[in-house]
Amino acid sequence: MSRRHTFPALVWALALVFCVSCSSSEAPQNVPEEVTVDLGGSGVDLGSASSLEIEGDLANEEKPTRRFQPITLGNNSKSTVTKTEVPDEQKFDNVLEALKPLQIMLGDWGGTTFKKIGGFSSVETLDWVWDLQTDPAQPALVMKADKSRYYKNARLTYLTGKQKYQLILTNKAGQKRVYEGDFSVPLKKVPGDDNPNVMHSTFKLSLSLVEPADEKKYAQIIFNQQNNDRYMFELYDLRGESYTRFDTINTRRKGTSFAKSDSDYGDKTCVISGGLGTSQVTYQGKSYWVCCSGCRKAFDADPEKWIAKYEANKKETKTQ
């Protein structure tokens, strides 16, 4: 055999040995030496390829693709959370709208209990006002009472998430009871007995005790609105599976009706609640009406905010 025929044969033999060597290797191919995720400039080592446990015949399986989502943790890999103090305006408007049928209770009321203890009924004074400042996103109607057997104050609001009204009663010992519910008799406007031109509000708001859950005493409260100048605060105990009325506080309004059909109501609209204004506030030489001391406090704290909302509501009403 000549030299020129010997050299190609040698090359083919060496190539065959190289291919056999490659196919017999047990190490997986194309596995990266190291996997690293960059967290804002600081590398986090997730381990080398030699620490990964590999099972099965990789030559006959499709290898899964490993994907890493970018992670941003701010400067120096630290998360920065900024607390927002801006109230939820839409939630505020929704709660305020839900409470408007109940603002008929605004003002001072005198109450007398039906149940007599020692031969005497309890006589008390109740004062309902708007609270727009304790929780800027959760307005409420709040009440203070003196000489009451059952409570010293109350907070009535609307829970948009549950779509229920919530009443929190606090007794003289500082203990709280939480009630939730809805209208059992929807709001209705009826002509007054003494003046058919004045429309009166009637409804029943029924609220059941949710906290403490195991209590049976005063397990249900009903606001039974009779007309603009009278409502009954009814207390029920839970006996078995039914509610039994335990006592009723019969309340009468002291002073002016808050009905929307009162004369010159349009000129006395509260700049905040939309109810009937009873007193005036002034800002930059211009006067506005407010319906209670709670609205007055809110107006004094931020008059420009409430005037802007009031003017926007007026424009929206005109376009409808």
C-alpha atoms as a PDB file:
ATOM      1  CA  MET A   1       0.000   0.000   0.000  1.00  0.00           C
ATOM      2  CA  SER A   2       1.316   3.399  -0.877  1.00  0.00           C
ATOM      3  CA  ARG A   3       1.818   6.232   1.600  1.00  0.00           C
ATOM      4  CA  ARG A   4      -0.880   8.407   0.020  1.00  0.00           C
ATOM      5  CA  HIS A   5      -3.468   5.635   0.616  1.00  0.00           C
ATOM      6  CA  THR A   6      -2.330   5.015   4.214  1.00  0.00           C
ATOM      7  CA  PHE A   7      -2.905   8.609   5.492  1.00  0.00           C
ATOM      8  CA  PRO A   8      -6.687   8.858   4.705  1.00  0.00           C
ATOM      9  CA  ALA A   9      -7.316   5.476   6.305  1.00  0.00           C
ATOM     10  CA  LEU A  10      -5.573   6.647   9.485  1.00  0.00           C
ATOM     11  CA  VAL A  11      -7.729   9.808   9.587  1.00  0.00           C
ATOM     12  CA  TRP A  12     -10.974   7.791   9.300  1.00  0.00           C
ATOM     13  CA  ALA A  13      -9.871   5.462  12.096  1.00  0.00           C
ATOM     14  CA  LEU A  14      -9.108   8.334  14.471  1.00  0.00           C
ATOM     15  CA  ALA A  15     -12.508   9.980  13.674  1.00  0.00           C
ATOM     16  CA  LEU A  16     -14.349   6.734  14.471  1.00  0.00           C
ATOM     17  CA  VAL A  17     -12.612   6.418  17.873  1.00  0.00           C
ATOM     18  CA  PHE A  18     -13.474  10.072  18.729  1.00  0.00           C
ATOM     19  CA  CYS A  19     -17.184   9.593  17.939  1.00  0.00           C
ATOM     20  CA  VAL A  20     -17.438   6.440  20.073  1.00  0.00           C
ATOM     21  CA  SER A  21     -15.790   8.284  22.963  1.00  0.00           C
ATOM     22  CA  CYS A  22     -18.323  11.147  22.692  1.00  0.00           C
ATOM     23  CA  SER A  23     -21.398   8.900  22.659  1.00  0.00           C
ATOM     24  CA  SER A  24     -20.296   6.917  25.704  1.00  0.00           C
ATOM     25  CA  SER A  25     -19.947   9.980  27.970  1.00  0.00           C
ATOM     26  CA  GLU A  26     -22.455   9.981  30.922  1.00  0.00           C
ATOM     27  CA  ALA A  27     -22.282  13.728  31.571  1.00  0.00           C
ATOM     28  CA  PRO A  28     -25.327  15.702  30.260  1.00  0.00           C
ATOM     29  CA  GLN A  29     -24.512  18.134  27.500  1.00  0.00           C
ATOM     30  CA  ASN A  30     -25.123  21.880  27.396  1.00  0.00           C
ATOM     31  CA  VAL A  31     -25.763  22.222  31.180  1.00  0.00           C
ATOM     32  CA  PRO A  32     -24.529  25.586  32.400  1.00  0.00           C
ATOM     33  CA  GLU A  33     -21.799  25.591  34.986  1.00  0.00           C
ATOM     34  CA  GLU A  34     -23.668  28.016  37.245  1.00  0.00           C
ATOM     35  CA  VAL A  35     -27.189  29.595  37.528  1.00  0.00           C
ATOM     36  CA  THR A  36     -27.341  33.137  38.902  1.00  0.00           C
ATOM     37  CA  VAL A  37     -30.260  35.623  39.373  1.00  0.00           C
ATOM     38  CA  ASP A  38     -29.382  39.280  39.629  1.00  0.00           C
ATOM     39  CA  LEU A  39     -31.310  40.916  42.525  1.00  0.00           C
ATOM     40  CA  GLY A  40     -30.668  44.585  41.990  1.00  0.00           C
ATOM     41  CA  GLY A  41     -26.922  44.239  41.565  1.00  0.00           C
ATOM     42  CA  SER A  42     -26.180  41.460  44.092  1.00  0.00           C
ATOM     43  CA  GLY A  43     -25.797  37.972  42.542  1.00  0.00           C
ATOM     44  CA  VAL A  44     -27.456  35.095  44.371  1.00  0.00           C
ATOM     45  CA  ASP A  45     -25.784  31.695  43.615  1.00  0.00           C
ATOM     46  CA  LEU A  46     -28.427  29.000  43.199  1.00  0.00           C
ATOM     47  CA  GLY A  47     -25.809  26.224  42.917  1.00  0.00           C
ATOM     48  CA  SER A  48     -23.652  24.653  40.223  1.00  0.00           C
ATOM     49  CA  ALA A  49     -24.674  22.038  37.653  1.00  0.00           C
ATOM     50  CA  SER A  50     -22.832  19.317  39.562  1.00  0.00           C
ATOM     51  CA  SER A  51     -25.271  19.670  42.492  1.00  0.00           C
ATOM     52  CA  LEU A  52     -28.350  19.024  40.311  1.00  0.00           C
ATOM     53  CA  GLU A  53     -29.761  15.492  40.469  1.00  0.00           C
ATOM     54  CA  ILE A  54     -30.471  14.264  36.939  1.00  0.00           C
ATOM     55  CA  GLU A  55     -32.587  11.158  36.349  1.00  0.00           C
ATOM     56  CA  GLY A  56     -33.547   9.164  33.253  1.00  0.00           C
ATOM     57  CA  ASP A  57     -32.069   8.917  29.801  1.00  0.00           C
ATOM     58  CA  LEU A  58     -31.530  12.576  28.854  1.00  0.00           C
ATOM     59  CA  ALA A  59     -30.627  11.556  25.361  1.00  0.00           C
ATOM     60  CA  ASN A  60     -34.209  10.354  24.762  1.00  0.00           C
ATOM     61  CA  GLU A  61     -36.116  13.007  26.798  1.00  0.00           C
ATOM     62  CA  GLU A  62     -36.950  16.581  25.946  1.00  0.00           C
ATOM     63  CA  LYS A  63     -35.177  18.786  28.472  1.00  0.00           C
ATOM     64  CA  PRO A  64     -37.461  21.316  30.243  1.00  0.00           C
ATOM     65  CA  THR A  65     -36.627  24.952  29.713  1.00  0.00           C
ATOM     66  CA  ARG A  66     -35.734  26.753  32.940  1.00  0.00           C
ATOM     67  CA  ARG A  67     -37.088  30.316  33.026  1.00  0.00           C
ATOM     68  CA  PHE A  68     -36.419  32.943  35.684  1.00  0.00           C
ATOM     69  CA  GLN A  69     -38.618  36.001  36.030  1.00  0.00           C
ATOM     70  CA  PRO A  70     -36.829  39.255  36.781  1.00  0.00           C
ATOM     71  CA  ILE A  71     -37.122  40.341  40.416  1.00  0.00           C
ATOM     72  CA  THR A  72     -36.945  43.999  41.381  1.00  0.00           C
ATOM     73  CA  LEU A  73     -36.407  44.830  45.018  1.00  0.00           C
ATOM     74  CA  GLY A  74     -35.259  48.418  44.701  1.00  0.00           C
ATOM     75  CA  ASN A  75     -31.843  49.805  45.530  1.00  0.00           C
ATOM     76  CA  ASN A  76     -29.449  47.470  47.371  1.00  0.00           C
ATOM     77  CA  SER A  77     -31.982  44.619  47.061  1.00  0.00           C
ATOM     78  CA  LYS A  78     -34.313  46.234  49.643  1.00  0.00           C
ATOM     79  CA  SER A  79     -38.048  46.714  49.157  1.00  0.00           C
ATOM     80  CA  THR A  80     -39.452  50.182  49.894  1.00  0.00           C
ATOM     81  CA  VAL A  81     -43.172  50.445  50.783  1.00  0.00           C
ATOM     82  CA  THR A  82     -44.783  53.876  50.884  1.00  0.00           C
ATOM     83  CA  LYS A  83     -47.983  54.165  52.930  1.00  0.00           C
ATOM     84  CA  THR A  84     -50.636  56.192  51.125  1.00  0.00           C
ATOM     85  CA  GLU A  85     -52.736  58.432  53.323  1.00  0.00           C
ATOM     86  CA  VAL A  86     -55.074  59.568  50.528  1.00  0.00           C
ATOM     87  CA  PRO A  87     -58.640  58.406  51.300  1.00  0.00           C
ATOM     88  CA  ASP A  88     -60.594  56.333  48.806  1.00  0.00           C
ATOM     89  CA  GLU A  89     -62.909  59.004  47.373  1.00  0.00           C
ATOM     90  CA  GLN A  90     -65.097  56.528  45.527  1.00  0.00           C
ATOM     91  CA  LYS A  91     -65.609  54.436  48.655  1.00  0.00           C
ATOM     92  CA  PHE A  92     -66.429  57.577  50.627  1.00  0.00           C
ATOM     93  CA  ASP A  93     -69.076  58.614  48.085  1.00  0.00           C
ATOM     94  CA  ASN A  94     -70.620  55.127  48.061  1.00  0.00           C
ATOM     95  CA  VAL A  95     -70.842  54.961  51.859  1.00  0.00           C
ATOM     96  CA  LEU A  96     -72.228  58.491  52.068  1.00  0.00           C
ATOM     97  CA  GLU A  97     -74.894  57.654  49.476  1.00  0.00           C
ATOM     98  CA  ALA A  98     -75.921  54.497  51.369  1.00  0.00           C
ATOM     99  CA  LEU A  99     -76.244  56.458  54.634  1.00  0.00           C
ATOM    100  CA  LYS A 100     -78.311  59.319  53.207  1.00  0.00           C
ATOM    101  CA  PRO A 101     -81.674  57.611  53.852  1.00  0.00           C
ATOM    102  CA  LEU A 102     -80.678  57.380  57.530  1.00  0.00           C
ATOM    103  CA  GLN A 103     -79.655  60.976  58.016  1.00  0.00           C
ATOM    104  CA  ILE A 104     -83.267  61.675  58.901  1.00  0.00           C
ATOM    105  CA  MET A 105     -82.015  60.778  62.406  1.00  0.00           C
ATOM    106  CA  LEU A 106     -79.631  63.741  62.532  1.00  0.00           C
ATOM    107  CA  GLY A 107     -80.249  66.111  65.408  1.00  0.00           C
ATOM    108  CA  ASP A 108     -81.293  65.936  69.050  1.00  0.00           C
ATOM    109  CA  TRP A 109     -83.876  63.446  70.223  1.00  0.00           C
ATOM    110  CA  GLY A 110     -85.547  62.695  73.518  1.00  0.00           C
ATOM    111  CA  GLY A 111     -86.174  59.034  74.342  1.00  0.00           C
ATOM    112  CA  THR A 112     -88.332  57.110  76.777  1.00  0.00           C
ATOM    113  CA  THR A 113     -88.107  53.338  77.369  1.00  0.00           C
ATOM    114  CA  PHE A 114     -91.227  51.157  77.430  1.00  0.00           C
ATOM    115  CA  LYS A 115     -89.784  48.825  80.071  1.00  0.00           C
ATOM    116  CA  LYS A 116     -90.017  50.275  83.550  1.00  0.00           C
ATOM    117  CA  ILE A 117     -87.477  49.507  86.268  1.00  0.00           C
ATOM    118  CA  GLY A 118     -88.511  50.381  89.801  1.00  0.00           C
ATOM    119  CA  GLY A 119     -91.704  51.882  88.411  1.00  0.00           C
ATOM    120  CA  PHE A 120     -89.855  54.394  86.220  1.00  0.00           C
ATOM    121  CA  SER A 121     -89.051  54.599  82.539  1.00  0.00           C
ATOM    122  CA  SER A 122     -85.608  55.664  81.434  1.00  0.00           C
ATOM    123  CA  VAL A 123     -85.510  59.150  79.934  1.00  0.00           C
ATOM    124  CA  GLU A 124     -82.546  60.020  77.738  1.00  0.00           C
ATOM    125  CA  THR A 125     -81.244  62.478  75.190  1.00  0.00           C
ATOM    126  CA  LEU A 126     -79.743  61.253  71.919  1.00  0.00           C
ATOM    127  CA  ASP A 127     -77.617  63.387  69.610  1.00  0.00           C
ATOM    128  CA  TRP A 128     -76.936  62.121  66.051  1.00  0.00           C
ATOM    129  CA  VAL A 129     -74.297  63.821  63.882  1.00  0.00           C
ATOM    130  CA  TRP A 130     -72.064  62.980  60.905  1.00  0.00           C
ATOM    131  CA  ASP A 131     -68.527  61.761  61.614  1.00  0.00           C
ATOM    132  CA  LEU A 132     -66.422  62.458  58.509  1.00  0.00           C
ATOM    133  CA  GLN A 133     -62.983  62.687  60.115  1.00  0.00           C
ATOM    134  CA  THR A 134     -62.330  59.605  62.281  1.00  0.00           C
ATOM    135  CA  ASP A 135     -61.956  57.473  59.139  1.00  0.00           C
ATOM    136  CA  PRO A 136     -61.852  59.646  55.977  1.00  0.00           C
ATOM    137  CA  ALA A 137     -62.836  56.705  53.746  1.00  0.00           C
ATOM    138  CA  GLN A 138     -65.585  55.402  56.071  1.00  0.00           C
ATOM    139  CA  PRO A 139     -68.075  58.159  57.006  1.00  0.00           C
ATOM    140  CA  ALA A 140     -70.595  57.341  59.703  1.00  0.00           C
ATOM    141  CA  LEU A 141     -73.543  58.641  61.670  1.00  0.00           C
ATOM    142  CA  VAL A 142     -72.605  58.741  65.345  1.00  0.00           C
ATOM    143  CA  MET A 143     -74.769  59.165  68.404  1.00  0.00           C
ATOM    144  CA  LYS A 144     -74.112  60.150  71.999  1.00  0.00           C
ATOM    145  CA  ALA A 145     -76.619  59.382  74.736  1.00  0.00           C
ATOM    146  CA  ASP A 146     -76.901  60.339  78.366  1.00  0.00           C
ATOM    147  CA  LYS A 147     -78.811  58.444  81.057  1.00  0.00           C
ATOM    148  CA  SER A 148     -79.341  55.439  78.783  1.00  0.00           C
ATOM    149  CA  ARG A 149     -79.635  51.930  80.237  1.00  0.00           C
ATOM    150  CA  TYR A 150     -78.239  50.271  77.128  1.00  0.00           C
ATOM    151  CA  TYR A 151     -75.524  52.404  75.548  1.00  0.00           C
ATOM    152  CA  LYS A 152     -73.548  55.597  75.803  1.00  0.00           C
ATOM    153  CA  ASN A 153     -72.709  55.994  72.111  1.00  0.00           C
ATOM    154  CA  ALA A 154     -73.291  54.385  68.724  1.00  0.00           C
ATOM    155  CA  ARG A 155     -71.618  54.400  65.311  1.00  0.00           C
ATOM    156  CA  LEU A 156     -73.668  53.557  62.217  1.00  0.00           C
ATOM    157  CA  THR A 157     -71.991  53.091  58.830  1.00  0.00           C
ATOM    158  CA  TYR A 158     -72.180  51.029  55.614  1.00  0.00           C
ATOM    159  CA  LEU A 159     -69.751  48.237  54.654  1.00  0.00           C
ATOM    160  CA  THR A 160     -69.320  48.367  50.880  1.00  0.00           C
ATOM    161  CA  GLY A 161     -67.533  45.003  50.747  1.00  0.00           C
ATOM    162  CA  LYS A 162     -70.371  43.167  52.532  1.00  0.00           C
ATOM    163  CA  GLN A 163     -73.123  45.497  51.281  1.00  0.00           C
ATOM    164  CA  LYS A 164     -74.468  45.675  54.814  1.00  0.00           C
ATOM    165  CA  TYR A 165     -75.013  48.348  57.418  1.00  0.00           C
ATOM    166  CA  GLN A 166     -72.955  48.135  60.583  1.00  0.00           C
ATOM    167  CA  LEU A 167     -73.856  49.453  64.023  1.00  0.00           C
ATOM    168  CA  ILE A 168     -71.350  49.524  66.897  1.00  0.00           C
ATOM    169  CA  LEU A 169     -72.879  50.136  70.323  1.00  0.00           C
ATOM    170  CA  THR A 170     -70.759  50.978  73.362  1.00  0.00           C
ATOM    171  CA  ASN A 171     -72.248  50.668  76.838  1.00  0.00           C
ATOM    172  CA  LYS A 172     -71.303  52.573  79.977  1.00  0.00           C
ATOM    173  CA  ALA A 173     -68.650  49.981  80.865  1.00  0.00           C
ATOM    174  CA  GLY A 174     -66.929  50.540  77.511  1.00  0.00           C
ATOM    175  CA  GLN A 175     -67.970  47.153  76.099  1.00  0.00           C
ATOM    176  CA  LYS A 176     -68.756  47.077  72.388  1.00  0.00           C
ATOM    177  CA  ARG A 177     -71.387  45.138  70.458  1.00  0.00           C
ATOM    178  CA  VAL A 178     -71.224  44.918  66.680  1.00  0.00           C
ATOM    179  CA  TYR A 179     -74.384  44.505  64.603  1.00  0.00           C
ATOM    180  CA  GLU A 180     -74.830  44.068  60.842  1.00  0.00           C
ATOM    181  CA  GLY A 181     -77.882  44.009  58.596  1.00  0.00           C
ATOM    182  CA  ASP A 182     -80.037  45.775  56.029  1.00  0.00           C
ATOM    183  CA  PHE A 183     -83.482  47.296  55.517  1.00  0.00           C
ATOM    184  CA  SER A 184     -86.257  44.849  56.408  1.00  0.00           C
ATOM    185  CA  VAL A 185     -88.736  47.519  55.294  1.00  0.00           C
ATOM    186  CA  PRO A 186     -87.302  49.718  52.512  1.00  0.00           C
ATOM    187  CA  LEU A 187     -87.270  53.490  52.707  1.00  0.00           C
ATOM    188  CA  LYS A 188     -90.563  55.053  51.640  1.00  0.00           C
ATOM    189  CA  LYS A 189     -91.778  58.645  51.463  1.00  0.00           C
ATOM    190  CA  VAL A 190     -95.306  59.301  52.685  1.00  0.00           C
ATOM    191  CA  PRO A 191     -97.308  62.552  53.139  1.00  0.00           C
ATOM    192  CA  GLY A 192     -97.386  63.880  56.677  1.00  0.00           C
ATOM    193  CA  ASP A 193    -100.553  63.614  58.734  1.00  0.00           C
ATOM    194  CA  ASP A 194    -100.477  67.277  59.724  1.00  0.00           C
ATOM    195  CA  ASN A 195     -99.247  68.622  56.377  1.00  0.00           C
ATOM    196  CA  PRO A 196     -99.670  66.498  53.210  1.00  0.00           C
ATOM    197  CA  ASN A 197     -97.213  68.775  51.396  1.00  0.00           C
ATOM    198  CA  VAL A 198     -94.396  67.593  53.652  1.00  0.00           C
ATOM    199  CA  MET A 199     -93.077  64.111  52.833  1.00  0.00           C
ATOM    200  CA  HIS A 200     -91.947  61.908  55.711  1.00  0.00           C
ATOM    201  CA  SER A 201     -89.449  59.048  55.742  1.00  0.00           C
ATOM    202  CA  THR A 202     -90.431  55.593  56.993  1.00  0.00           C
ATOM    203  CA  PHE A 203     -88.302  52.420  57.097  1.00  0.00           C
ATOM    204  CA  LYS A 204     -87.065  49.570  59.268  1.00  0.00           C
ATOM    205  CA  LEU A 205     -83.348  48.857  59.520  1.00  0.00           C
ATOM    206  CA  SER A 206     -82.809  45.424  61.118  1.00  0.00           C
ATOM    207  CA  LEU A 207     -79.363  44.599  62.523  1.00  0.00           C
ATOM    208  CA  SER A 208     -78.253  41.323  64.107  1.00  0.00           C
ATOM    209  CA  LEU A 209     -75.446  40.829  66.618  1.00  0.00           C
ATOM    210  CA  VAL A 210     -72.223  39.462  65.088  1.00  0.00           C
ATOM    211  CA  GLU A 211     -69.773  40.243  67.893  1.00  0.00           C
ATOM    212  CA  PRO A 212     -69.680  38.798  70.490  1.00  0.00           C
ATOM    213  CA  ALA A 213     -71.153  35.884  68.561  1.00  0.00           C
ATOM    214  CA  ASP A 214     -72.393  33.791  71.515  1.00  0.00           C
ATOM    215  CA  GLU A 215     -74.500  36.528  73.142  1.00  0.00           C
ATOM    216  CA  LYS A 216     -78.288  36.166  73.248  1.00  0.00           C
ATOM    217  CA  LYS A 217     -79.105  39.368  75.133  1.00  0.00           C
ATOM    218  CA  TYR A 218     -79.851  42.349  72.846  1.00  0.00           C
ATOM    219  CA  ALA A 219     -79.135  40.092  69.873  1.00  0.00           C
ATOM    220  CA  GLN A 220     -81.040  42.269  67.408  1.00  0.00           C
ATOM    221  CA  ILE A 221     -81.576  46.009  67.014  1.00  0.00           C
ATOM    222  CA  ILE A 222     -84.233  47.596  64.779  1.00  0.00           C
ATOM    223  CA  PHE A 223     -84.441  51.271  63.860  1.00  0.00           C
ATOM    224  CA  ASN A 224     -88.159  51.687  63.228  1.00  0.00           C
ATOM    225  CA  GLN A 225     -88.551  55.123  61.598  1.00  0.00           C
ATOM    226  CA  GLN A 226     -92.179  56.246  61.951  1.00  0.00           C
ATOM    227  CA  ASN A 227     -91.901  59.723  60.428  1.00  0.00           C
ATOM    228  CA  ASN A 228     -89.469  62.631  60.310  1.00  0.00           C
ATOM    229  CA  ASP A 229     -89.985  63.397  63.982  1.00  0.00           C
ATOM    230  CA  ARG A 230     -90.279  59.953  65.561  1.00  0.00           C
ATOM    231  CA  TYR A 231     -88.414  56.654  65.478  1.00  0.00           C
ATOM    232  CA  MET A 232     -88.337  53.642  67.783  1.00  0.00           C
ATOM    233  CA  PHE A 233     -85.115  51.931  68.852  1.00  0.00           C
ATOM    234  CA  GLU A 234     -86.195  48.312  69.385  1.00  0.00           C
ATOM    235  CA  LEU A 235     -84.088  45.755  71.304  1.00  0.00           C
ATOM    236  CA  TYR A 236     -84.600  41.991  70.856  1.00  0.00           C
ATOM    237  CA  ASP A 237     -83.259  38.957  72.728  1.00  0.00           C
ATOM    238  CA  LEU A 238     -82.545  35.648  71.002  1.00  0.00           C
ATOM    239  CA  ARG A 239     -84.705  32.893  72.494  1.00  0.00           C
ATOM    240  CA  GLY A 240     -84.172  29.582  70.804  1.00  0.00           C
ATOM    241  CA  GLU A 241     -84.166  30.359  67.095  1.00  0.00           C
ATOM    242  CA  SER A 242     -86.368  33.446  67.192  1.00  0.00           C
ATOM    243  CA  TYR A 243     -86.052  37.061  68.352  1.00  0.00           C
ATOM    244  CA  THR A 244     -88.289  38.434  71.116  1.00  0.00           C
ATOM    245  CA  ARG A 245     -88.591  42.150  71.744  1.00  0.00           C
ATOM    246  CA  PHE A 246     -87.149  43.057  75.114  1.00  0.00           C
ATOM    247  CA  ASP A 247     -87.590  46.839  75.184  1.00  0.00           C
ATOM    248  CA  THR A 248     -88.245  49.849  72.951  1.00  0.00           C
ATOM    249  CA  ILE A 249     -86.918  53.362  73.234  1.00  0.00           C
ATOM    250  CA  ASN A 250     -89.538  55.706  71.809  1.00  0.00           C
ATOM    251  CA  THR A 251     -87.781  58.834  70.535  1.00  0.00           C
ATOM    252  CA  ARG A 252     -89.113  62.248  69.544  1.00  0.00           C
ATOM    253  CA  ARG A 253     -87.209  64.930  67.672  1.00  0.00           C
ATOM    254  CA  LYS A 254     -86.333  68.195  69.349  1.00  0.00           C
ATOM    255  CA  GLY A 255     -86.758  71.009  66.834  1.00  0.00           C
ATOM    256  CA  THR A 256     -87.000  71.162  63.044  1.00  0.00           C
ATOM    257  CA  SER A 257     -87.919  68.459  60.570  1.00  0.00           C
ATOM    258  CA  PHE A 258     -85.208  67.344  58.145  1.00  0.00           C
ATOM    259  CA  ALA A 259     -87.592  66.340  55.337  1.00  0.00           C
ATOM    260  CA  LYS A 260     -86.488  67.241  51.818  1.00  0.00           C
ATOM    261  CA  SER A 261     -89.940  68.607  51.073  1.00  0.00           C
ATOM    262  CA  ASP A 262     -89.686  71.346  53.668  1.00  0.00           C
ATOM    263  CA  SER A 263     -90.059  74.829  52.239  1.00  0.00           C
ATOM    264  CA  ASP A 264     -86.855  76.479  50.926  1.00  0.00           C
ATOM    265  CA  TYR A 265     -84.991  73.165  51.290  1.00  0.00           C
ATOM    266  CA  GLY A 266     -83.079  73.818  48.064  1.00  0.00           C
ATOM    267  CA  ASP A 267     -81.593  76.981  49.548  1.00  0.00           C
ATOM    268  CA  LYS A 268     -80.452  75.129  52.674  1.00  0.00           C
ATOM    269  CA  THR A 269     -78.746  72.031  51.262  1.00  0.00           C
ATOM    270  CA  CYS A 270     -75.842  70.866  53.421  1.00  0.00           C
ATOM    271  CA  VAL A 271     -72.598  71.458  51.524  1.00  0.00           C
ATOM    272  CA  ILE A 272     -71.327  68.037  52.645  1.00  0.00           C
ATOM    273  CA  SER A 273     -74.173  65.538  53.196  1.00  0.00           C
ATOM    274  CA  GLY A 274     -76.851  66.932  50.905  1.00  0.00           C
ATOM    275  CA  GLY A 275     -79.309  66.964  53.815  1.00  0.00           C
ATOM    276  CA  LEU A 276     -81.250  69.923  55.103  1.00  0.00           C
ATOM    277  CA  GLY A 277     -78.916  72.598  56.442  1.00  0.00           C
ATOM    278  CA  THR A 278     -79.600  73.950  59.910  1.00  0.00           C
ATOM    279  CA  SER A 279     -76.737  76.423  60.344  1.00  0.00           C
ATOM    280  CA  GLN A 280     -74.323  78.352  58.151  1.00  0.00           C
ATOM    281  CA  VAL A 281     -70.550  78.375  57.688  1.00  0.00           C
ATOM    282  CA  THR A 282     -68.503  80.954  55.814  1.00  0.00           C
ATOM    283  CA  TYR A 283     -65.431  80.725  53.603  1.00  0.00           C
ATOM    284  CA  GLN A 284     -63.830  83.597  51.668  1.00  0.00           C
ATOM    285  CA  GLY A 285     -66.886  85.781  52.169  1.00  0.00           C
ATOM    286  CA  LYS A 286     -69.410  83.206  50.920  1.00  0.00           C
ATOM    287  CA  SER A 287     -71.875  81.316  53.147  1.00  0.00           C
ATOM    288  CA  TYR A 288     -72.827  77.632  52.970  1.00  0.00           C
ATOM    289  CA  TRP A 289     -75.240  75.435  54.917  1.00  0.00           C
ATOM    290  CA  VAL A 290     -74.324  72.434  57.093  1.00  0.00           C
ATOM    291  CA  CYS A 291     -76.736  69.993  58.716  1.00  0.00           C
ATOM    292  CA  CYS A 292     -74.943  69.157  61.974  1.00  0.00           C
ATOM    293  CA  SER A 293     -71.891  69.835  64.114  1.00  0.00           C
ATOM    294  CA  GLY A 294     -70.044  66.917  62.485  1.00  0.00           C
ATOM    295  CA  CYS A 295     -70.359  68.488  59.026  1.00  0.00           C
ATOM    296  CA  ARG A 296     -69.318  71.839  60.453  1.00  0.00           C
ATOM    297  CA  LYS A 297     -66.106  70.326  61.853  1.00  0.00           C
ATOM    298  CA  ALA A 298     -65.314  68.617  58.552  1.00  0.00           C
ATOM    299  CA  PHE A 299     -65.939  71.838  56.607  1.00  0.00           C
ATOM    300  CA  ASP A 300     -63.736  73.906  58.920  1.00  0.00           C
ATOM    301  CA  ALA A 301     -60.908  71.366  58.529  1.00  0.00           C
ATOM    302  CA  ASP A 302     -60.882  71.499  54.705  1.00  0.00           C
ATOM    303  CA  PRO A 303     -63.436  73.959  53.222  1.00  0.00           C
ATOM    304  CA  GLU A 304     -61.974  73.953  49.698  1.00  0.00           C
ATOM    305  CA  LYS A 305     -62.362  70.179  49.392  1.00  0.00           C
ATOM    306  CA  TRP A 306     -66.042  70.187  50.340  1.00  0.00           C
ATOM    307  CA  ILE A 307     -66.911  73.267  48.281  1.00  0.00           C
ATOM    308  CA  ALA A 308     -65.309  71.671  45.207  1.00  0.00           C
ATOM    309  CA  LYS A 309     -67.304  68.438  45.699  1.00  0.00           C
ATOM    310  CA  TYR A 310     -70.491  70.431  46.305  1.00  0.00           C
ATOM    311  CA  GLU A 311     -70.076  72.487  43.133  1.00  0.00           C
ATOM    312  CA  ALA A 312     -69.249  69.368  41.092  1.00  0.00           C
ATOM    313  CA  ASN A 313     -72.400  67.628  42.372  1.00  0.00           C
ATOM    314  CA  LYS A 314     -74.512  70.644  41.450  1.00  0.00           C
ATOM    315  CA  LYS A 315     -73.148  70.640  37.890  1.00  0.00           C
ATOM    316  CA  GLU A 316     -73.766  66.906  37.556  1.00  0.00           C
ATOM    317  CA  THR A 317     -77.356  67.302  38.797  1.00  0.00           C
ATOM    318  CA  LYS A 318     -78.061  70.023  36.223  1.00  0.00           C
ATOM    319  CA  THR A 319     -76.804  67.880  33.337  1.00  0.00           C
ATOM    320  CA  GLN A 320     -79.008  64.917  34.276  1.00  0.00           C
END
